Amino acid sequence: MATWLLICCGMVFAMAVIGAVTRLTESGLSMVEWKPLIGILPPLTETEWNRVFDLYRETPEYRYVNAGMGLEEFKHIFFWEWFHRFWGQMIGFVFLLPFLWFWATKRIPKGLMPTLVGLFLLGGLQGGIGWFMVVSGLVDRPSVSHYRLALHLGVAFLIFALMLWVALGLLDPKPEGSRSAAAPALRRHAGLALGLVAVTAAWGAFVAGLDAGMIYNTWPLMGGQIIPSDMWFLNPAPLNFVENHAGVQFTHRWLAMVTGLVVLGLWWRAGKADIGPRGHRLGQAVGVMVVVQIALGIATLLTVVAIPLAAVHQAGALTLIALLVWFRHEVKRSRWTSQGS
């Protein structure tokens, strides 16, 4: 069962990267119909291609951004959105069919059934959230709501983290007689790091949804200043952190720095704790990964959001979450006492 869940984790990881490419190529609004299952195949005839293209030409994105686009160009952006949806449905099948087999053969461990059902329902909800996001760009604006984009990405990260946690529990369960409350301070630190990574990723979605990465493509200053001059033009002031392009990018930058310090602090504490060789290796991996992720973010900004770098940056966020989840699991299952924690 653990292998099955890890395969699903890998597919969710790939889904998030495909979603990043879909967004970065501005392909997400090319499919204006919602047809789960029956829409799993792309158009197969020229007549059908012309029909879906005619639907797209009624959208705000076509009228205001892509007016004059030809059918061949449309096929390119259509592919990425279709592939994104197709892959999502494949995840559903890969999860559901083995789950039904495990259930029918009574192989699901006691107490795990509600968790697995919850994961499946959360995956179905994620599909609905995806359409809820797309609809926001089909009415009167040529882009999706950055709030809905952040929700969609956040739920994907949540599904990934929960599924990985369950798989790790099956692969490496807590030993009999171990103390689950061991080193609570270190576990709380890992939880804080995970929370900060999630919040930073949410602001990354705001940056992506508003195209806020296309301005202030310098580091560490923004327009020669630490705080850009156009940071505060919205009222009330808190709106600048979620709707002002400069304010959103500023917030994402400094959330990343705070998150980096917290994660590096976790790495330092892990190195001093008696958590065994694997725990130390995971702590080191977490420290290295957060530095790599910050470097990828800076490189993405300096290249004015080059698509390969931006996609790898999203993959880096998931990798960091995976390492933190694994580290926290390792700390929870190990029999050890903290030195100074």
Protein backbone atom coordinates (compact mmCIF):
# COMPACT_ATOMS: atom_id res chain seq x y z
CA MET A 1 0.00 0.00 0.00
CA ALA A 2 2.84 2.38 0.77
CA THR A 3 4.24 1.96 -2.74
CA TRP A 4 0.82 2.78 -4.22
CA LEU A 5 0.56 5.96 -2.14
CA LEU A 6 4.12 6.99 -3.07
CA ILE A 7 3.26 6.55 -6.75
CA CYS A 8 0.24 8.80 -6.21
CA CYS A 9 2.53 11.32 -4.46
CA GLY A 10 4.82 11.28 -7.48
CA MET A 11 1.87 11.92 -9.76
CA VAL A 12 0.66 14.83 -7.61
CA PHE A 13 4.21 16.22 -7.70
CA ALA A 14 4.20 16.00 -11.51
CA MET A 15 0.70 17.51 -11.59
CA ALA A 16 1.91 20.59 -9.73
CA VAL A 17 4.80 21.05 -12.17
CA ILE A 18 2.49 20.55 -15.16
CA GLY A 19 0.18 23.12 -13.60
CA ALA A 20 3.08 25.56 -13.31
CA VAL A 21 3.93 25.14 -16.99
CA THR A 22 0.24 25.52 -17.88
CA ARG A 23 0.10 28.81 -15.99
CA LEU A 24 3.45 30.07 -17.27
CA THR A 25 2.52 29.42 -20.91
CA GLU A 26 -0.81 31.21 -20.30
CA SER A 27 -2.67 28.06 -21.33
CA GLY A 28 -5.04 27.71 -18.39
CA LEU A 29 -8.04 29.45 -19.97
CA SER A 30 -7.91 27.65 -23.30
CA MET A 31 -10.49 25.01 -22.31
CA VAL A 32 -13.79 26.69 -21.53
CA GLU A 33 -15.80 23.52 -20.98
CA TRP A 34 -15.88 21.32 -17.89
CA LYS A 35 -16.36 17.68 -18.92
CA PRO A 36 -14.91 15.28 -16.35
CA LEU A 37 -14.32 11.77 -17.75
CA ILE A 38 -16.10 12.35 -21.09
CA GLY A 39 -13.66 15.15 -21.87
CA ILE A 40 -10.61 13.01 -21.24
CA LEU A 41 -9.71 12.92 -24.96
CA PRO A 42 -8.61 16.04 -26.85
CA PRO A 43 -10.41 17.09 -30.05
CA LEU A 44 -9.81 14.43 -32.70
CA THR A 45 -11.28 16.08 -35.80
CA GLU A 46 -10.83 19.44 -37.48
CA THR A 47 -14.53 20.15 -36.88
CA GLU A 48 -14.13 19.63 -33.15
CA TRP A 49 -10.97 21.76 -33.07
CA ASN A 50 -12.83 24.59 -34.75
CA ARG A 51 -15.70 24.23 -32.29
CA VAL A 52 -13.51 24.52 -29.17
CA PHE A 53 -11.53 27.34 -30.78
CA ASP A 54 -14.76 29.25 -31.45
CA LEU A 55 -15.63 28.87 -27.76
CA TYR A 56 -12.22 30.22 -26.76
CA ARG A 57 -12.65 33.23 -29.06
CA GLU A 58 -15.61 34.32 -26.92
CA THR A 59 -13.44 34.59 -23.80
CA PRO A 60 -11.95 37.81 -22.37
CA GLU A 61 -8.45 36.36 -22.76
CA TYR A 62 -8.84 35.99 -26.51
CA ARG A 63 -10.47 39.41 -26.93
CA TYR A 64 -8.02 41.36 -24.79
CA VAL A 65 -4.79 39.35 -24.96
CA ASN A 66 -4.72 36.88 -27.85
CA ALA A 67 -6.86 38.55 -30.51
CA GLY A 68 -5.79 37.29 -33.91
CA MET A 69 -4.38 34.01 -32.59
CA GLY A 70 -4.59 31.24 -35.19
CA LEU A 71 -5.80 27.68 -34.72
CA GLU A 72 -2.28 26.20 -34.63
CA GLU A 73 -1.23 28.56 -31.83
CA PHE A 74 -4.42 27.71 -29.98
CA LYS A 75 -3.65 24.00 -30.23
CA HIS A 76 -0.37 24.61 -28.39
CA ILE A 77 -1.93 26.31 -25.36
CA PHE A 78 -4.88 23.91 -25.45
CA PHE A 79 -2.49 20.97 -25.10
CA TRP A 80 -1.11 22.11 -21.76
CA GLU A 81 -4.52 22.71 -20.16
CA TRP A 82 -5.85 19.43 -21.58
CA PHE A 83 -2.78 17.54 -20.32
CA HIS A 84 -3.14 19.15 -16.90
CA ARG A 85 -6.76 18.00 -16.63
CA PHE A 86 -5.98 14.59 -18.14
CA TRP A 87 -3.20 14.01 -15.60
CA GLY A 88 -5.52 14.98 -12.77
CA GLN A 89 -8.05 12.38 -13.87
CA MET A 90 -5.28 9.78 -14.16
CA ILE A 91 -4.38 10.47 -10.53
CA GLY A 92 -8.00 9.79 -9.63
CA PHE A 93 -7.95 6.41 -11.41
CA VAL A 94 -4.54 5.42 -10.00
CA PHE A 95 -5.81 6.19 -6.50
CA LEU A 96 -9.34 4.78 -6.77
CA LEU A 97 -8.80 1.44 -8.51
CA PRO A 98 -6.10 0.08 -6.14
CA PHE A 99 -8.05 1.48 -3.19
CA LEU A 100 -11.11 -0.52 -4.22
CA TRP A 101 -8.95 -3.64 -4.60
CA PHE A 102 -7.33 -3.16 -1.17
CA TRP A 103 -10.78 -2.64 0.33
CA ALA A 104 -12.31 -5.69 -1.39
CA THR A 105 -9.41 -7.92 -0.26
CA LYS A 106 -9.51 -6.50 3.30
CA ARG A 107 -5.90 -5.28 3.14
CA ILE A 108 -6.52 -1.78 4.48
CA PRO A 109 -5.11 -1.52 8.01
CA LYS A 110 -7.56 -0.86 10.81
CA GLY A 111 -8.30 2.82 11.24
CA LEU A 112 -6.86 3.85 7.86
CA MET A 113 -10.08 3.67 5.84
CA PRO A 114 -11.42 7.13 6.87
CA THR A 115 -8.06 8.71 5.97
CA LEU A 116 -8.00 7.12 2.50
CA VAL A 117 -11.61 8.06 1.82
CA GLY A 118 -10.83 11.60 2.95
CA LEU A 119 -7.86 11.79 0.58
CA PHE A 120 -10.02 10.64 -2.34
CA LEU A 121 -12.72 13.18 -1.54
CA LEU A 122 -10.10 15.90 -1.18
CA GLY A 123 -8.79 14.97 -4.63
CA GLY A 124 -12.30 15.27 -6.08
CA LEU A 125 -12.74 18.61 -4.36
CA GLN A 126 -9.45 19.74 -5.91
CA GLY A 127 -10.86 19.11 -9.38
CA GLY A 128 -13.84 21.30 -8.54
CA ILE A 129 -11.53 24.01 -7.15
CA GLY A 130 -9.60 23.91 -10.41
CA TRP A 131 -12.76 24.63 -12.41
CA PHE A 132 -13.80 27.28 -9.84
CA MET A 133 -10.44 28.94 -10.57
CA VAL A 134 -10.79 28.74 -14.36
CA VAL A 135 -14.32 30.19 -14.31
CA SER A 136 -12.95 33.36 -12.67
CA GLY A 137 -11.11 34.11 -15.92
CA LEU A 138 -13.96 33.39 -18.33
CA VAL A 139 -16.43 36.11 -17.39
CA ASP A 140 -15.04 39.63 -17.51
CA ARG A 141 -11.28 39.37 -16.90
CA PRO A 142 -8.51 37.77 -19.00
CA SER A 143 -6.89 36.03 -16.03
CA VAL A 144 -7.88 33.81 -13.13
CA SER A 145 -8.32 35.08 -9.59
CA HIS A 146 -4.99 34.89 -7.77
CA TYR A 147 -6.89 33.98 -4.60
CA ARG A 148 -8.42 30.95 -6.31
CA LEU A 149 -5.05 30.06 -7.80
CA ALA A 150 -3.50 30.09 -4.32
CA LEU A 151 -6.34 27.91 -3.01
CA HIS A 152 -5.87 25.43 -5.87
CA LEU A 153 -2.12 25.21 -5.30
CA GLY A 154 -2.52 25.02 -1.53
CA VAL A 155 -4.90 22.06 -1.72
CA ALA A 156 -2.49 20.28 -4.10
CA PHE A 157 0.34 20.75 -1.58
CA LEU A 158 -1.93 19.55 1.24
CA ILE A 159 -2.89 16.38 -0.63
CA PHE A 160 0.78 15.71 -1.40
CA ALA A 161 1.89 16.19 2.22
CA LEU A 162 -0.94 14.12 3.73
CA MET A 163 -0.46 11.27 1.29
CA LEU A 164 3.27 11.21 1.94
CA TRP A 165 2.69 11.22 5.71
CA VAL A 166 0.36 8.21 5.43
CA ALA A 167 2.82 6.36 3.15
CA LEU A 168 5.69 6.96 5.58
CA GLY A 169 3.55 5.68 8.44
CA LEU A 170 2.98 2.44 6.52
CA LEU A 171 6.62 2.07 5.51
CA ASP A 172 8.12 2.91 8.87
CA PRO A 173 5.55 2.74 11.66
CA LYS A 174 6.17 4.00 15.16
CA PRO A 175 7.99 1.29 17.14
CA GLU A 176 6.15 -0.39 19.99
CA GLY A 177 6.85 1.34 23.27
CA SER A 178 8.32 4.47 21.71
CA ARG A 179 7.31 7.82 23.08
CA SER A 180 5.37 9.84 20.54
CA ALA A 181 5.94 12.93 22.69
CA ALA A 182 9.72 12.71 22.40
CA ALA A 183 11.44 16.01 21.63
CA PRO A 184 8.22 18.00 21.21
CA ALA A 185 10.18 21.23 20.71
CA LEU A 186 11.98 19.88 17.63
CA ARG A 187 8.75 18.51 16.21
CA ARG A 188 7.04 21.83 16.79
CA HIS A 189 9.95 23.54 15.01
CA ALA A 190 9.48 21.24 12.02
CA GLY A 191 5.73 22.00 12.05
CA LEU A 192 6.45 25.74 12.12
CA ALA A 193 8.83 25.33 9.18
CA LEU A 194 6.16 23.44 7.23
CA GLY A 195 3.60 26.13 7.95
CA LEU A 196 5.93 28.89 6.80
CA VAL A 197 6.78 27.02 3.60
CA ALA A 198 3.04 26.71 2.92
CA VAL A 199 2.40 30.43 3.54
CA THR A 200 5.38 31.41 1.38
CA ALA A 201 4.08 29.16 -1.41
CA ALA A 202 0.64 30.80 -1.13
CA TRP A 203 2.25 34.21 -1.70
CA GLY A 204 4.17 32.67 -4.57
CA ALA A 205 0.78 31.82 -6.09
CA PHE A 206 -0.29 35.44 -5.56
CA VAL A 207 2.88 36.54 -7.39
CA ALA A 208 2.12 34.15 -10.24
CA GLY A 209 -1.56 35.04 -10.48
CA LEU A 210 -0.86 38.77 -10.60
CA ASP A 211 2.24 38.44 -12.83
CA ALA A 212 4.02 40.30 -10.05
CA GLY A 213 7.28 38.54 -10.94
CA MET A 214 7.48 40.62 -14.11
CA ILE A 215 8.41 43.76 -12.16
CA TYR A 216 11.42 44.58 -9.97
CA ASN A 217 13.63 41.90 -11.51
CA THR A 218 16.61 42.73 -9.32
CA TRP A 219 17.93 41.36 -6.05
CA PRO A 220 18.09 42.23 -3.18
CA LEU A 221 16.71 45.73 -3.81
CA MET A 222 13.44 46.62 -5.53
CA GLY A 223 13.90 49.70 -7.70
CA GLY A 224 17.01 50.58 -5.70
CA GLN A 225 15.10 50.38 -2.40
CA ILE A 226 14.46 47.74 0.21
CA ILE A 227 10.78 48.77 0.30
CA PRO A 228 9.61 49.90 -3.16
CA SER A 229 8.08 53.34 -3.49
CA ASP A 230 4.78 51.98 -4.87
CA MET A 231 4.30 49.56 -1.99
CA TRP A 232 1.47 51.44 -0.26
CA PHE A 233 -0.86 52.95 -2.87
CA LEU A 234 -3.92 50.81 -1.99
CA ASN A 235 -6.34 51.55 0.83
CA PRO A 236 -6.86 50.07 3.31
CA ALA A 237 -3.13 49.39 3.77
CA PRO A 238 -3.38 45.58 4.31
CA LEU A 239 -4.66 45.20 0.73
CA ASN A 240 -1.17 46.04 -0.51
CA PHE A 241 0.11 42.70 0.77
CA VAL A 242 -2.37 40.69 -1.32
CA GLU A 243 -3.37 42.88 -4.30
CA ASN A 244 -0.59 45.39 -4.95
CA HIS A 245 1.92 43.82 -7.37
CA ALA A 246 4.92 45.39 -5.65
CA GLY A 247 3.55 44.57 -2.20
CA VAL A 248 2.86 40.95 -3.10
CA GLN A 249 6.35 40.44 -4.50
CA PHE A 250 7.89 42.19 -1.46
CA THR A 251 5.93 39.94 0.90
CA HIS A 252 6.91 36.77 -0.96
CA ARG A 253 10.59 37.77 -0.91
CA TRP A 254 10.72 38.38 2.81
CA LEU A 255 8.53 35.45 3.75
CA ALA A 256 11.08 33.33 1.88
CA MET A 257 13.92 34.85 3.91
CA VAL A 258 12.14 34.27 7.23
CA THR A 259 11.24 30.72 6.18
CA GLY A 260 14.85 30.10 5.19
CA LEU A 261 16.12 31.20 8.60
CA VAL A 262 13.58 29.02 10.42
CA VAL A 263 14.48 25.98 8.30
CA LEU A 264 18.21 26.56 8.75
CA GLY A 265 17.57 26.81 12.48
CA LEU A 266 15.87 23.42 12.29
CA TRP A 267 18.89 22.00 10.51
CA TRP A 268 21.19 23.36 13.24
CA ARG A 269 19.06 21.92 16.04
CA ALA A 270 18.74 18.59 14.28
CA GLY A 271 22.53 18.36 14.08
CA LYS A 272 22.76 18.63 17.87
CA ALA A 273 19.95 16.18 18.64
CA ASP A 274 20.27 12.43 19.20
CA ILE A 275 18.02 11.39 16.34
CA GLY A 276 20.20 8.85 14.63
CA PRO A 277 22.04 8.92 11.28
CA ARG A 278 18.91 9.08 9.13
CA GLY A 279 17.49 11.94 11.14
CA HIS A 280 20.76 13.86 10.77
CA ARG A 281 20.85 13.23 7.01
CA LEU A 282 17.29 14.44 6.66
CA GLY A 283 18.09 17.55 8.68
CA GLN A 284 21.04 18.27 6.41
CA ALA A 285 18.91 17.68 3.29
CA VAL A 286 16.29 20.12 4.56
CA GLY A 287 18.96 22.78 5.14
CA VAL A 288 20.49 22.32 1.69
CA MET A 289 17.10 22.29 -0.03
CA VAL A 290 15.90 25.55 1.48
CA VAL A 291 19.06 27.29 0.24
CA VAL A 292 18.58 25.78 -3.23
CA GLN A 293 14.93 26.85 -3.23
CA ILE A 294 15.76 30.45 -2.32
CA ALA A 295 18.43 30.50 -5.04
CA LEU A 296 15.89 29.18 -7.56
CA GLY A 297 13.46 31.91 -6.56
CA ILE A 298 16.07 34.62 -7.03
CA ALA A 299 17.12 33.15 -10.39
CA THR A 300 13.48 33.01 -11.51
CA LEU A 301 13.08 36.67 -10.63
CA LEU A 302 16.33 37.77 -12.31
CA THR A 303 15.40 35.97 -15.55
CA VAL A 304 11.96 37.65 -15.59
CA VAL A 305 10.26 34.32 -14.85
CA ALA A 306 11.95 32.00 -17.31
CA ILE A 307 9.57 29.07 -17.67
CA PRO A 308 12.07 26.22 -16.92
CA LEU A 309 13.36 27.97 -13.81
CA ALA A 310 9.88 28.87 -12.57
CA ALA A 311 8.70 25.27 -13.02
CA VAL A 312 11.74 23.93 -11.15
CA HIS A 313 11.10 26.52 -8.42
CA GLN A 314 7.62 25.06 -7.92
CA ALA A 315 9.09 21.57 -7.87
CA GLY A 316 11.58 22.80 -5.27
CA ALA A 317 8.76 23.89 -2.97
CA LEU A 318 7.24 20.42 -3.10
CA THR A 319 10.63 18.81 -2.53
CA LEU A 320 11.18 20.97 0.55
CA ILE A 321 7.74 20.06 1.88
CA ALA A 322 8.45 16.36 1.28
CA LEU A 323 11.75 16.56 3.19
CA LEU A 324 10.15 18.42 6.09
CA VAL A 325 7.30 15.89 6.30
CA TRP A 326 9.81 13.04 6.21
CA PHE A 327 11.98 14.72 8.86
CA ARG A 328 9.01 15.29 11.16
CA HIS A 329 7.94 11.67 10.72
CA GLU A 330 11.45 10.48 11.54
CA VAL A 331 11.55 12.62 14.68
CA LYS A 332 8.14 11.36 15.77
CA ARG A 333 8.93 7.66 15.34
CA SER A 334 12.45 7.67 16.81
CA ARG A 335 13.24 6.74 20.39
CA TRP A 336 15.57 9.49 21.48
CA THR A 337 16.06 12.34 23.88
CA SER A 338 16.90 15.86 22.75
CA GLN A 339 20.09 17.54 23.81
CA GLY A 340 19.01 21.03 24.81
CA SER A 341 15.70 21.08 22.97
